[in-house]
């Protein structure tokens, strides 16, 4: 059985990727290769560049502001 892990907001290993602050809460290794969990703070007009995952899924939980997602051929704006 996995050991519970509590990581506060802004806690975890901090990275800066393409101008976004990212805090790694749970690594794929810690989760048995099933998933990883990160917190991200993007500036206005920021966020990751368009990309595609062929072997992975992504999920998002937007806490504040608006975020645009491109899904297949369309664009979905999440508020």
Protein backbone atom coordinates (compact mmCIF):
# COMPACT_ATOMS: atom_id res chain seq x y z
CA UNK A 1 0.00 0.00 0.00
CA UNK A 2 1.28 3.47 -0.89
CA UNK A 3 2.23 5.94 1.80
CA UNK A 4 -0.02 9.05 1.87
CA UNK A 5 1.69 12.26 0.79
CA UNK A 6 0.51 15.79 1.61
CA UNK A 7 1.98 18.67 -0.41
CA UNK A 8 0.68 22.22 0.23
CA UNK A 9 -0.09 24.80 -2.46
CA UNK A 10 3.18 26.08 -3.86
CA UNK A 11 4.99 23.09 -2.36
CA UNK A 12 6.90 20.35 -4.12
CA UNK A 13 9.83 20.45 -6.52
CA UNK A 14 9.64 23.75 -8.41
CA UNK A 15 10.34 24.00 -12.13
CA UNK A 16 10.07 26.84 -14.64
CA UNK A 17 9.07 25.57 -18.06
CA UNK A 18 8.41 28.01 -20.94
CA UNK A 19 7.72 30.79 -18.40
CA UNK A 20 5.24 28.83 -16.29
CA UNK A 21 5.90 27.94 -12.65
CA UNK A 22 5.26 24.26 -12.04
CA UNK A 23 5.37 22.43 -8.71
CA UNK A 24 5.63 18.64 -8.91
CA UNK A 25 3.32 17.19 -6.26
CA UNK A 26 3.62 13.50 -7.13
CA UNK A 27 6.01 11.97 -9.65
CA UNK A 28 5.15 9.11 -11.97
CA UNK A 29 7.68 6.99 -10.10
CA UNK A 30 5.97 7.72 -6.77
CA UNK A 31 2.60 6.79 -8.30
CA UNK A 32 3.83 3.49 -9.69
CA UNK A 33 3.98 4.82 -13.26
CA UNK A 34 0.23 5.41 -13.34
CA UNK A 35 0.17 9.23 -13.36
CA UNK A 36 1.89 12.33 -12.06
CA UNK A 37 0.38 15.40 -10.42
CA UNK A 38 1.57 18.99 -10.83
CA UNK A 39 0.39 22.48 -9.90
CA UNK A 40 0.95 25.12 -12.56
CA UNK A 41 0.72 28.92 -12.49
CA UNK A 42 0.61 30.44 -15.97
CA UNK A 43 0.83 34.17 -16.69
CA UNK A 44 -1.81 35.76 -18.96
CA UNK A 45 -1.39 34.43 -22.51
CA UNK A 46 0.97 31.79 -21.07
CA UNK A 47 0.67 28.06 -20.67
CA UNK A 48 2.25 25.22 -22.58
CA UNK A 49 2.60 25.42 -26.36
CA UNK A 50 0.24 23.33 -28.46
CA UNK A 51 1.24 19.70 -28.16
CA UNK A 52 -0.19 16.22 -28.52
CA UNK A 53 0.15 13.12 -26.34
CA UNK A 54 -0.21 9.80 -28.15
CA UNK A 55 0.21 7.56 -25.09
CA UNK A 56 -0.90 9.76 -22.19
CA UNK A 57 -4.01 11.50 -20.97
CA UNK A 58 -4.12 14.93 -19.33
CA UNK A 59 -6.70 16.40 -17.02
CA UNK A 60 -6.99 19.94 -15.71
CA UNK A 61 -8.67 21.65 -12.79
CA UNK A 62 -8.74 25.42 -13.41
CA UNK A 63 -8.88 27.35 -10.16
CA UNK A 64 -8.81 30.92 -11.46
CA UNK A 65 -9.08 32.73 -14.79
CA UNK A 66 -9.73 31.29 -18.25
CA UNK A 67 -7.82 28.60 -20.08
CA UNK A 68 -8.13 27.66 -23.75
CA UNK A 69 -7.76 24.04 -24.82
CA UNK A 70 -7.55 22.75 -28.38
CA UNK A 71 -9.35 19.42 -28.56
CA UNK A 72 -8.91 17.49 -31.80
CA UNK A 73 -10.05 19.89 -34.51
CA UNK A 74 -11.94 22.36 -32.29
CA UNK A 75 -11.15 24.81 -29.52
CA UNK A 76 -12.87 24.64 -26.16
CA UNK A 77 -12.60 27.55 -23.73
CA UNK A 78 -12.72 26.52 -20.10
CA UNK A 79 -13.79 29.12 -17.54
